[in-house]
Amino acid sequence: MSIFLNGSSKIIVQGMTGSEGRKHTQRMLDSGSAVVGGVTPGKGGQSVEFSGSTLPVFDSVSDAMSETDADTTVVFVPPRFAKAAIVEAIDAGIGLAVVITEGIPVHDSAWVWAHACASGNRTQIVGPNCPGVISPGQANAGIIPANITGPGRIGLVSKSGTLTYQMMYELRDIGFSTAVGIGGDPIIGTTHIDCLQAFSDDPDTAAVVMIGEIGGDAEERAADYIRANIDKPVVGYVAGFTAPEGKTMGHAGAIVSGSAGTAAAKKEALEAAGVHVGRTPSETAELMREIMKSVG
């Protein structure tokens, strides 16, 4: 089992004809994902050659869905065009939209999210500014390296792409059901809470690693949700214990103001909810390793 993405998922790539889209489409194909086509307005009817396959290009997401039965799109579209691309995916009613694009204006992200809600939340949006979703051994939608881990019973939800990769690698001998990089922008689609509930509902996920970072209150809200709703073991890590006050650190949403949003405050909230929190990624991995000895 897995969440959001599985071996039956059919993936299209918005921006497949661009350099990044082309490169990562090849990587997704190499990992065994069922990539069935791409979308670039004005290039419908063309095709792109990849190692071992030729994929069609469509003018729109709706065209791609009607021809391929695609249920997942990965967005590799420049920031100025990303709003229109995501709205197109929402209007087409695709089930999952993984938005890799970095640097989308916050106003555009807010508009897209409001549009998704007004459309009945038919489309699960992951991102923007995220590494994607991978269910090892089944499918990979995004830029997460597929060869750093294997299938297993740990679920992972993370704001940070690089920490996603590190945690997957450190626990590679145990493996993952699904890893979801939700992105670190101030406004994102899928949240820690969304993933925690999905992992809780997945019978083949035994425990969850949750990676957060300074800024905002997403981790505190997740802690409240865990306390009230999640029975499976959760291990946490919060990046930014040494971050200076008032300075943005990496992600646009990673900024501390006074005592709000600090790593220490988030760690305290999570531990109060029964979450084991490591002070380093490696310590966090060891905490999960101990838990998996008891849950199997």
C-alpha atoms as a PDB file:
ATOM      1  CA  MET A   1       0.000   0.000   0.000  1.00  0.00           C
ATOM      2  CA  SER A   2       0.938   3.655  -0.253  1.00  0.00           C
ATOM      3  CA  ILE A   3      -0.634   7.107  -0.193  1.00  0.00           C
ATOM      4  CA  PHE A   4      -1.428   9.407  -3.131  1.00  0.00           C
ATOM      5  CA  LEU A   5       0.688   7.450  -5.643  1.00  0.00           C
ATOM      6  CA  ASN A   6       0.961   3.757  -6.547  1.00  0.00           C
ATOM      7  CA  GLY A   7       1.937   1.355  -9.300  1.00  0.00           C
ATOM      8  CA  SER A   8      -1.302   2.016 -11.165  1.00  0.00           C
ATOM      9  CA  SER A   9      -0.777   5.794 -11.323  1.00  0.00           C
ATOM     10  CA  LYS A  10      -0.537   7.237 -14.835  1.00  0.00           C
ATOM     11  CA  ILE A  11       1.608  10.362 -14.913  1.00  0.00           C
ATOM     12  CA  ILE A  12       1.770  13.288 -17.324  1.00  0.00           C
ATOM     13  CA  VAL A  13       4.370  16.045 -17.179  1.00  0.00           C
ATOM     14  CA  GLN A  14       3.409  19.677 -17.740  1.00  0.00           C
ATOM     15  CA  GLY A  15       6.514  21.216 -19.269  1.00  0.00           C
ATOM     16  CA  MET A  16       7.936  17.916 -20.510  1.00  0.00           C
ATOM     17  CA  THR A  17       9.476  19.563 -23.573  1.00  0.00           C
ATOM     18  CA  GLY A  18      11.609  21.898 -21.430  1.00  0.00           C
ATOM     19  CA  SER A  19      15.076  20.970 -20.207  1.00  0.00           C
ATOM     20  CA  GLU A  20      14.094  20.234 -16.592  1.00  0.00           C
ATOM     21  CA  GLY A  21      10.895  18.498 -17.563  1.00  0.00           C
ATOM     22  CA  ARG A  22      12.712  16.323 -20.080  1.00  0.00           C
ATOM     23  CA  LYS A  23      15.519  15.422 -17.665  1.00  0.00           C
ATOM     24  CA  HIS A  24      13.249  14.409 -14.821  1.00  0.00           C
ATOM     25  CA  THR A  25      10.769  12.626 -17.073  1.00  0.00           C
ATOM     26  CA  GLN A  26      13.642  10.353 -18.065  1.00  0.00           C
ATOM     27  CA  ARG A  27      14.464   9.773 -14.398  1.00  0.00           C
ATOM     28  CA  MET A  28      10.854   8.957 -13.608  1.00  0.00           C
ATOM     29  CA  LEU A  29      10.752   6.516 -16.507  1.00  0.00           C
ATOM     30  CA  ASP A  30      14.017   4.942 -15.365  1.00  0.00           C
ATOM     31  CA  SER A  31      12.493   4.363 -11.922  1.00  0.00           C
ATOM     32  CA  GLY A  32       9.625   2.402 -13.462  1.00  0.00           C
ATOM     33  CA  SER A  33       6.945   5.081 -13.249  1.00  0.00           C
ATOM     34  CA  ALA A  34       4.146   4.957 -15.818  1.00  0.00           C
ATOM     35  CA  VAL A  35       4.721   8.324 -17.492  1.00  0.00           C
ATOM     36  CA  VAL A  36       2.215   8.422 -20.358  1.00  0.00           C
ATOM     37  CA  GLY A  37       2.737  11.844 -21.944  1.00  0.00           C
ATOM     38  CA  GLY A  38       3.413  15.528 -21.554  1.00  0.00           C
ATOM     39  CA  VAL A  39       1.636  18.852 -21.926  1.00  0.00           C
ATOM     40  CA  THR A  40       3.002  21.934 -23.663  1.00  0.00           C
ATOM     41  CA  PRO A  41       0.440  24.347 -25.185  1.00  0.00           C
ATOM     42  CA  GLY A  42       1.024  24.747 -28.912  1.00  0.00           C
ATOM     43  CA  LYS A  43       3.049  21.549 -29.230  1.00  0.00           C
ATOM     44  CA  GLY A  44       0.183  19.071 -29.279  1.00  0.00           C
ATOM     45  CA  GLY A  45       0.744  16.253 -31.748  1.00  0.00           C
ATOM     46  CA  GLN A  46       4.519  16.265 -31.293  1.00  0.00           C
ATOM     47  CA  SER A  47       6.417  13.595 -29.403  1.00  0.00           C
ATOM     48  CA  VAL A  48       9.573  13.399 -27.306  1.00  0.00           C
ATOM     49  CA  GLU A  49      12.116  10.599 -27.508  1.00  0.00           C
ATOM     50  CA  PHE A  50      13.378   9.085 -24.283  1.00  0.00           C
ATOM     51  CA  SER A  51      15.607   6.123 -23.643  1.00  0.00           C
ATOM     52  CA  GLY A  52      13.354   3.162 -24.239  1.00  0.00           C
ATOM     53  CA  SER A  53      10.171   5.070 -25.075  1.00  0.00           C
ATOM     54  CA  THR A  54       8.524   7.835 -27.089  1.00  0.00           C
ATOM     55  CA  LEU A  55       5.947   9.981 -25.317  1.00  0.00           C
ATOM     56  CA  PRO A  56       3.218  12.083 -26.923  1.00  0.00           C
ATOM     57  CA  VAL A  57       2.786  15.789 -26.263  1.00  0.00           C
ATOM     58  CA  PHE A  58      -0.674  17.313 -25.785  1.00  0.00           C
ATOM     59  CA  ASP A  59      -1.904  20.889 -25.884  1.00  0.00           C
ATOM     60  CA  SER A  60      -3.820  20.606 -22.618  1.00  0.00           C
ATOM     61  CA  VAL A  61      -4.217  18.504 -19.504  1.00  0.00           C
ATOM     62  CA  SER A  62      -7.766  17.600 -20.486  1.00  0.00           C
ATOM     63  CA  ASP A  63      -6.557  16.322 -23.860  1.00  0.00           C
ATOM     64  CA  ALA A  64      -3.853  14.273 -22.167  1.00  0.00           C
ATOM     65  CA  MET A  65      -6.310  12.808 -19.682  1.00  0.00           C
ATOM     66  CA  SER A  66      -8.835  11.844 -22.347  1.00  0.00           C
ATOM     67  CA  GLU A  67      -6.169  10.126 -24.465  1.00  0.00           C
ATOM     68  CA  THR A  68      -4.098   8.440 -21.744  1.00  0.00           C
ATOM     69  CA  ASP A  69      -6.358   8.120 -18.670  1.00  0.00           C
ATOM     70  CA  ALA A  70      -3.728  10.046 -16.706  1.00  0.00           C
ATOM     71  CA  ASP A  71      -4.547  10.660 -13.038  1.00  0.00           C
ATOM     72  CA  THR A  72      -1.371  12.479 -11.943  1.00  0.00           C
ATOM     73  CA  THR A  73       0.461  15.511 -13.294  1.00  0.00           C
ATOM     74  CA  VAL A  74       3.922  16.787 -12.412  1.00  0.00           C
ATOM     75  CA  VAL A  75       4.370  20.516 -13.056  1.00  0.00           C
ATOM     76  CA  PHE A  76       7.769  21.649 -14.382  1.00  0.00           C
ATOM     77  CA  VAL A  77       6.555  25.043 -15.608  1.00  0.00           C
ATOM     78  CA  PRO A  78       8.402  28.378 -15.074  1.00  0.00           C
ATOM     79  CA  PRO A  79       7.002  30.474 -12.203  1.00  0.00           C
ATOM     80  CA  ARG A  80       5.251  33.045 -14.408  1.00  0.00           C
ATOM     81  CA  PHE A  81       3.241  30.315 -16.135  1.00  0.00           C
ATOM     82  CA  ALA A  82       2.722  28.021 -13.142  1.00  0.00           C
ATOM     83  CA  LYS A  83      -0.578  29.531 -11.971  1.00  0.00           C
ATOM     84  CA  ALA A  84      -2.210  28.916 -15.353  1.00  0.00           C
ATOM     85  CA  ALA A  85      -0.769  25.398 -15.535  1.00  0.00           C
ATOM     86  CA  ILE A  86      -2.059  24.378 -12.109  1.00  0.00           C
ATOM     87  CA  VAL A  87      -5.477  25.931 -12.734  1.00  0.00           C
ATOM     88  CA  GLU A  88      -5.653  23.988 -15.986  1.00  0.00           C
ATOM     89  CA  ALA A  89      -4.951  20.758 -14.095  1.00  0.00           C
ATOM     90  CA  ILE A  90      -7.601  21.582 -11.495  1.00  0.00           C
ATOM     91  CA  ASP A  91     -10.184  22.445 -14.150  1.00  0.00           C
ATOM     92  CA  ALA A  92      -9.453  19.155 -15.924  1.00  0.00           C
ATOM     93  CA  GLY A  93     -10.202  17.327 -12.670  1.00  0.00           C
ATOM     94  CA  ILE A  94      -6.945  15.416 -12.406  1.00  0.00           C
ATOM     95  CA  GLY A  95      -6.559  13.587  -9.102  1.00  0.00           C
ATOM     96  CA  LEU A  96      -3.015  14.596  -8.107  1.00  0.00           C
ATOM     97  CA  ALA A  97      -0.935  17.624  -9.113  1.00  0.00           C
ATOM     98  CA  VAL A  98       2.694  17.651  -7.945  1.00  0.00           C
ATOM     99  CA  VAL A  99       4.083  21.173  -8.354  1.00  0.00           C
ATOM    100  CA  ILE A 100       7.880  21.180  -8.479  1.00  0.00           C
ATOM    101  CA  THR A 101       8.243  24.827  -9.580  1.00  0.00           C
ATOM    102  CA  GLU A 102      10.103  27.125  -7.194  1.00  0.00           C
ATOM    103  CA  GLY A 103       9.557  30.873  -6.973  1.00  0.00           C
ATOM    104  CA  ILE A 104       5.808  31.014  -7.645  1.00  0.00           C
ATOM    105  CA  PRO A 105       4.477  34.343  -6.270  1.00  0.00           C
ATOM    106  CA  VAL A 106       2.584  33.863  -3.006  1.00  0.00           C
ATOM    107  CA  HIS A 107      -0.437  35.657  -4.480  1.00  0.00           C
ATOM    108  CA  ASP A 108      -0.544  33.105  -7.294  1.00  0.00           C
ATOM    109  CA  SER A 109      -0.332  30.203  -4.850  1.00  0.00           C
ATOM    110  CA  ALA A 110      -3.145  31.689  -2.770  1.00  0.00           C
ATOM    111  CA  TRP A 111      -5.293  32.152  -5.882  1.00  0.00           C
ATOM    112  CA  VAL A 112      -4.671  28.585  -7.010  1.00  0.00           C
ATOM    113  CA  TRP A 113      -5.526  27.164  -3.594  1.00  0.00           C
ATOM    114  CA  ALA A 114      -8.745  29.186  -3.433  1.00  0.00           C
ATOM    115  CA  HIS A 115      -9.640  27.959  -6.927  1.00  0.00           C
ATOM    116  CA  ALA A 116      -8.995  24.348  -5.920  1.00  0.00           C
ATOM    117  CA  CYS A 117     -11.278  24.728  -2.892  1.00  0.00           C
ATOM    118  CA  ALA A 118     -13.991  26.403  -4.973  1.00  0.00           C
ATOM    119  CA  SER A 119     -13.748  23.503  -7.432  1.00  0.00           C
ATOM    120  CA  GLY A 120     -14.552  20.988  -4.711  1.00  0.00           C
ATOM    121  CA  ASN A 121     -10.986  19.923  -3.851  1.00  0.00           C
ATOM    122  CA  ARG A 122     -11.037  17.288  -6.568  1.00  0.00           C
ATOM    123  CA  THR A 123      -7.304  17.734  -7.117  1.00  0.00           C
ATOM    124  CA  GLN A 124      -4.752  16.902  -4.417  1.00  0.00           C
ATOM    125  CA  ILE A 125      -2.048  19.562  -4.813  1.00  0.00           C
ATOM    126  CA  VAL A 126       1.426  18.769  -3.485  1.00  0.00           C
ATOM    127  CA  GLY A 127       3.758  21.772  -3.394  1.00  0.00           C
ATOM    128  CA  PRO A 128       4.715  24.138  -4.838  1.00  0.00           C
ATOM    129  CA  ASN A 129       8.496  24.233  -4.441  1.00  0.00           C
ATOM    130  CA  CYS A 130       8.628  20.567  -3.502  1.00  0.00           C
ATOM    131  CA  PRO A 131      10.594  17.457  -4.556  1.00  0.00           C
ATOM    132  CA  GLY A 132       7.458  15.408  -5.186  1.00  0.00           C
ATOM    133  CA  VAL A 133       5.983  12.093  -4.104  1.00  0.00           C
ATOM    134  CA  ILE A 134       7.537   8.638  -4.292  1.00  0.00           C
ATOM    135  CA  SER A 135       6.159   5.236  -3.384  1.00  0.00           C
ATOM    136  CA  PRO A 136       9.366   3.173  -3.753  1.00  0.00           C
ATOM    137  CA  GLY A 137       9.064   0.232  -6.099  1.00  0.00           C
ATOM    138  CA  GLN A 138       5.760   1.574  -7.437  1.00  0.00           C
ATOM    139  CA  ALA A 139       5.915   5.136  -8.795  1.00  0.00           C
ATOM    140  CA  ASN A 140       7.848   8.387  -8.579  1.00  0.00           C
ATOM    141  CA  ALA A 141       6.301  11.762  -9.403  1.00  0.00           C
ATOM    142  CA  GLY A 142       8.911  14.513  -9.134  1.00  0.00           C
ATOM    143  CA  ILE A 143      12.641  14.796  -8.568  1.00  0.00           C
ATOM    144  CA  ILE A 144      13.262  12.468  -5.592  1.00  0.00           C
ATOM    145  CA  PRO A 145      16.101  10.061  -6.442  1.00  0.00           C
ATOM    146  CA  ALA A 146      14.542   6.614  -6.783  1.00  0.00           C
ATOM    147  CA  ASN A 147      17.687   4.629  -5.991  1.00  0.00           C
ATOM    148  CA  ILE A 148      18.330   5.810  -2.426  1.00  0.00           C
ATOM    149  CA  THR A 149      15.800   3.589  -0.696  1.00  0.00           C
ATOM    150  CA  GLY A 150      13.349   0.757  -1.211  1.00  0.00           C
ATOM    151  CA  PRO A 151       9.795  -0.176  -0.260  1.00  0.00           C
ATOM    152  CA  GLY A 152       8.965  -0.595   3.400  1.00  0.00           C
ATOM    153  CA  ARG A 153       6.589   0.405   6.189  1.00  0.00           C
ATOM    154  CA  ILE A 154       7.719   3.922   7.103  1.00  0.00           C
ATOM    155  CA  GLY A 155       5.790   6.971   5.917  1.00  0.00           C
ATOM    156  CA  LEU A 156       7.632  10.269   5.468  1.00  0.00           C
ATOM    157  CA  VAL A 157       6.286  13.811   5.179  1.00  0.00           C
ATOM    158  CA  SER A 158       8.787  16.647   4.900  1.00  0.00           C
ATOM    159  CA  LYS A 159       9.011  20.354   4.168  1.00  0.00           C
ATOM    160  CA  SER A 160      12.617  19.962   3.011  1.00  0.00           C
ATOM    161  CA  GLY A 161      13.734  18.215  -0.149  1.00  0.00           C
ATOM    162  CA  THR A 162      17.300  17.541   0.933  1.00  0.00           C
ATOM    163  CA  LEU A 163      16.215  16.273   4.346  1.00  0.00           C
ATOM    164  CA  THR A 164      13.723  14.012   2.588  1.00  0.00           C
ATOM    165  CA  TYR A 165      16.602  12.454   0.682  1.00  0.00           C
ATOM    166  CA  GLN A 166      18.796  12.143   3.772  1.00  0.00           C
ATOM    167  CA  MET A 167      16.081  10.473   5.850  1.00  0.00           C
ATOM    168  CA  MET A 168      15.233   8.050   3.044  1.00  0.00           C
ATOM    169  CA  TYR A 169      18.899   7.130   2.701  1.00  0.00           C
ATOM    170  CA  GLU A 170      19.512   6.734   6.438  1.00  0.00           C
ATOM    171  CA  LEU A 171      16.526   4.377   6.758  1.00  0.00           C
ATOM    172  CA  ARG A 172      17.041   2.638   3.418  1.00  0.00           C
ATOM    173  CA  ASP A 173      17.433  -0.776   5.029  1.00  0.00           C
ATOM    174  CA  ILE A 174      13.891  -0.512   6.434  1.00  0.00           C
ATOM    175  CA  GLY A 175      12.256   1.293   3.516  1.00  0.00           C
ATOM    176  CA  PHE A 176       9.237   3.499   2.923  1.00  0.00           C
ATOM    177  CA  SER A 177       5.608   3.125   1.914  1.00  0.00           C
ATOM    178  CA  THR A 178       5.526   6.681   0.548  1.00  0.00           C
ATOM    179  CA  ALA A 179       7.635   9.806   0.969  1.00  0.00           C
ATOM    180  CA  VAL A 180       5.932  13.162   0.389  1.00  0.00           C
ATOM    181  CA  GLY A 181       7.858  16.410   0.050  1.00  0.00           C
ATOM    182  CA  ILE A 182       5.233  19.060   0.751  1.00  0.00           C
ATOM    183  CA  GLY A 183       7.444  22.097   0.101  1.00  0.00           C
ATOM    184  CA  GLY A 184       8.462  25.044   2.255  1.00  0.00           C
ATOM    185  CA  ASP A 185       6.569  27.961   0.706  1.00  0.00           C
ATOM    186  CA  PRO A 186       4.263  30.043   2.940  1.00  0.00           C
ATOM    187  CA  ILE A 187       1.222  28.680   1.071  1.00  0.00           C
ATOM    188  CA  ILE A 188       1.158  25.024   0.026  1.00  0.00           C
ATOM    189  CA  GLY A 189      -1.517  22.538  -0.927  1.00  0.00           C
ATOM    190  CA  THR A 190      -1.010  19.276   0.970  1.00  0.00           C
ATOM    191  CA  THR A 191       0.022  19.743   4.610  1.00  0.00           C
ATOM    192  CA  HIS A 192       1.654  17.669   7.325  1.00  0.00           C
ATOM    193  CA  ILE A 193      -1.825  16.959   8.678  1.00  0.00           C
ATOM    194  CA  ASP A 194      -3.119  15.695   5.318  1.00  0.00           C
ATOM    195  CA  CYS A 195      -0.229  13.255   5.075  1.00  0.00           C
ATOM    196  CA  LEU A 196      -0.411  12.163   8.703  1.00  0.00           C
ATOM    197  CA  GLN A 197      -4.064  11.206   8.294  1.00  0.00           C
ATOM    198  CA  ALA A 198      -3.384   9.415   4.996  1.00  0.00           C
ATOM    199  CA  PHE A 199      -0.551   7.432   6.586  1.00  0.00           C
ATOM    200  CA  SER A 200      -2.769   6.662   9.567  1.00  0.00           C
ATOM    201  CA  ASP A 201      -5.371   5.226   7.188  1.00  0.00           C
ATOM    202  CA  ASP A 202      -2.801   3.175   5.238  1.00  0.00           C
ATOM    203  CA  PRO A 203      -2.624  -0.357   6.723  1.00  0.00           C
ATOM    204  CA  ASP A 204       0.909  -0.925   5.428  1.00  0.00           C
ATOM    205  CA  THR A 205       2.415   2.182   7.024  1.00  0.00           C
ATOM    206  CA  ALA A 206       3.561   1.275  10.534  1.00  0.00           C
ATOM    207  CA  ALA A 207       5.113   4.585  11.645  1.00  0.00           C
ATOM    208  CA  VAL A 208       5.715   8.092  10.329  1.00  0.00           C
ATOM    209  CA  VAL A 209       8.653  10.485  10.152  1.00  0.00           C
ATOM    210  CA  MET A 210       7.585  14.136  10.064  1.00  0.00           C
ATOM    211  CA  ILE A 211      10.190  16.746   9.103  1.00  0.00           C
ATOM    212  CA  GLY A 212       9.405  20.398   9.719  1.00  0.00           C
ATOM    213  CA  GLU A 213      11.344  23.611   9.938  1.00  0.00           C
ATOM    214  CA  ILE A 214      11.283  27.021  11.576  1.00  0.00           C
ATOM    215  CA  GLY A 215       8.623  29.567  10.672  1.00  0.00           C
ATOM    216  CA  GLY A 216       4.851  29.507  10.799  1.00  0.00           C
ATOM    217  CA  ASP A 217       2.797  27.204  12.999  1.00  0.00           C
ATOM    218  CA  ALA A 218       2.298  24.131  10.766  1.00  0.00           C
ATOM    219  CA  GLU A 219       4.204  21.858  13.128  1.00  0.00           C
ATOM    220  CA  GLU A 220       2.274  23.050  16.187  1.00  0.00           C
ATOM    221  CA  ARG A 221      -0.997  22.425  14.367  1.00  0.00           C
ATOM    222  CA  ALA A 222       0.271  18.994  13.358  1.00  0.00           C
ATOM    223  CA  ALA A 223       1.129  18.291  17.004  1.00  0.00           C
ATOM    224  CA  ASP A 224      -2.441  19.109  18.056  1.00  0.00           C
ATOM    225  CA  TYR A 225      -3.750  16.843  15.307  1.00  0.00           C
ATOM    226  CA  ILE A 226      -1.462  13.975  16.280  1.00  0.00           C
ATOM    227  CA  ARG A 227      -2.580  14.206  19.896  1.00  0.00           C
ATOM    228  CA  ALA A 228      -6.256  14.013  18.917  1.00  0.00           C
ATOM    229  CA  ASN A 229      -6.235  11.701  15.899  1.00  0.00           C
ATOM    230  CA  ILE A 230      -3.085   9.657  15.239  1.00  0.00           C
ATOM    231  CA  ASP A 231      -2.396   6.360  16.990  1.00  0.00           C
ATOM    232  CA  LYS A 232       0.647   5.254  15.006  1.00  0.00           C
ATOM    233  CA  PRO A 233       4.129   6.204  16.248  1.00  0.00           C
ATOM    234  CA  VAL A 234       5.444   9.513  14.881  1.00  0.00           C
ATOM    235  CA  VAL A 235       9.064  10.642  14.955  1.00  0.00           C
ATOM    236  CA  GLY A 236       9.880  14.274  14.224  1.00  0.00           C
ATOM    237  CA  TYR A 237      12.703  16.589  13.279  1.00  0.00           C
ATOM    238  CA  VAL A 238      12.574  20.378  13.074  1.00  0.00           C
ATOM    239  CA  ALA A 239      15.286  22.045  10.998  1.00  0.00           C
ATOM    240  CA  GLY A 240      16.643  25.361  12.220  1.00  0.00           C
ATOM    241  CA  PHE A 241      17.723  25.099  15.865  1.00  0.00           C
ATOM    242  CA  THR A 242      20.594  27.523  15.187  1.00  0.00           C
ATOM    243  CA  ALA A 243      18.705  29.931  12.900  1.00  0.00           C
ATOM    244  CA  PRO A 244      19.026  33.630  13.838  1.00  0.00           C
ATOM    245  CA  GLU A 245      15.836  35.559  14.623  1.00  0.00           C
ATOM    246  CA  GLY A 246      14.285  37.558  11.776  1.00  0.00           C
ATOM    247  CA  LYS A 247      16.335  35.986   8.986  1.00  0.00           C
ATOM    248  CA  THR A 248      14.811  33.864   6.231  1.00  0.00           C
ATOM    249  CA  MET A 249      16.585  30.524   6.051  1.00  0.00           C
ATOM    250  CA  GLY A 250      16.320  28.752   2.700  1.00  0.00           C
ATOM    251  CA  HIS A 251      12.569  28.413   2.204  1.00  0.00           C
ATOM    252  CA  ALA A 252      10.350  31.458   1.893  1.00  0.00           C
ATOM    253  CA  GLY A 253       8.293  30.298   4.861  1.00  0.00           C
ATOM    254  CA  ALA A 254      11.278  29.612   7.124  1.00  0.00           C
ATOM    255  CA  ILE A 255      11.503  32.796   9.174  1.00  0.00           C
ATOM    256  CA  VAL A 256      11.356  33.222  12.936  1.00  0.00           C
ATOM    257  CA  SER A 257       9.730  36.257  14.543  1.00  0.00           C
ATOM    258  CA  GLY A 258      10.421  36.578  18.272  1.00  0.00           C
ATOM    259  CA  SER A 259       9.578  33.317  20.006  1.00  0.00           C
ATOM    260  CA  ALA A 260       7.048  32.322  17.329  1.00  0.00           C
ATOM    261  CA  GLY A 261       8.068  29.630  14.889  1.00  0.00           C
ATOM    262  CA  THR A 262      11.296  28.600  16.596  1.00  0.00           C
ATOM    263  CA  ALA A 263      12.597  25.059  16.385  1.00  0.00           C
ATOM    264  CA  ALA A 264      12.584  24.799  20.172  1.00  0.00           C
ATOM    265  CA  ALA A 265       8.912  25.798  20.400  1.00  0.00           C
ATOM    266  CA  LYS A 266       7.955  23.310  17.701  1.00  0.00           C
ATOM    267  CA  LYS A 267       9.969  20.539  19.354  1.00  0.00           C
ATOM    268  CA  GLU A 268       8.220  21.238  22.659  1.00  0.00           C
ATOM    269  CA  ALA A 269       4.766  21.113  21.034  1.00  0.00           C
ATOM    270  CA  LEU A 270       5.512  17.852  19.239  1.00  0.00           C
ATOM    271  CA  GLU A 271       6.957  16.173  22.325  1.00  0.00           C
ATOM    272  CA  ALA A 272       3.897  17.219  24.318  1.00  0.00           C
ATOM    273  CA  ALA A 273       1.842  15.301  21.741  1.00  0.00           C
ATOM    274  CA  GLY A 274       3.922  12.153  22.255  1.00  0.00           C
ATOM    275  CA  VAL A 275       6.185  12.611  19.233  1.00  0.00           C
ATOM    276  CA  HIS A 276       9.835  11.581  19.638  1.00  0.00           C
ATOM    277  CA  VAL A 277      11.908  14.484  18.267  1.00  0.00           C
ATOM    278  CA  GLY A 278      15.553  14.266  17.261  1.00  0.00           C
ATOM    279  CA  ARG A 279      17.929  17.233  17.298  1.00  0.00           C
ATOM    280  CA  THR A 280      19.680  16.032  14.127  1.00  0.00           C
ATOM    281  CA  PRO A 281      18.474  14.040  11.110  1.00  0.00           C
ATOM    282  CA  SER A 282      20.670  11.097  12.095  1.00  0.00           C
ATOM    283  CA  GLU A 283      19.338  11.086  15.661  1.00  0.00           C
ATOM    284  CA  THR A 284      15.806  11.197  14.241  1.00  0.00           C
ATOM    285  CA  ALA A 285      16.549   8.201  12.028  1.00  0.00           C
ATOM    286  CA  GLU A 286      17.838   6.268  15.038  1.00  0.00           C
ATOM    287  CA  LEU A 287      14.646   7.053  16.968  1.00  0.00           C
ATOM    288  CA  MET A 288      12.620   5.607  14.088  1.00  0.00           C
ATOM    289  CA  ARG A 289      14.907   2.593  13.880  1.00  0.00           C
ATOM    290  CA  GLU A 290      14.164   1.788  17.533  1.00  0.00           C
ATOM    291  CA  ILE A 291      10.421   2.175  16.994  1.00  0.00           C
ATOM    292  CA  MET A 292      10.459  -0.152  13.983  1.00  0.00           C
ATOM    293  CA  LYS A 293      12.058  -2.873  16.095  1.00  0.00           C
ATOM    294  CA  SER A 294       8.878  -3.008  18.148  1.00  0.00           C
ATOM    295  CA  VAL A 295       6.198  -2.408  15.498  1.00  0.00           C
ATOM    296  CA  GLY A 296       7.721  -4.681  12.831  1.00  0.00           C
END
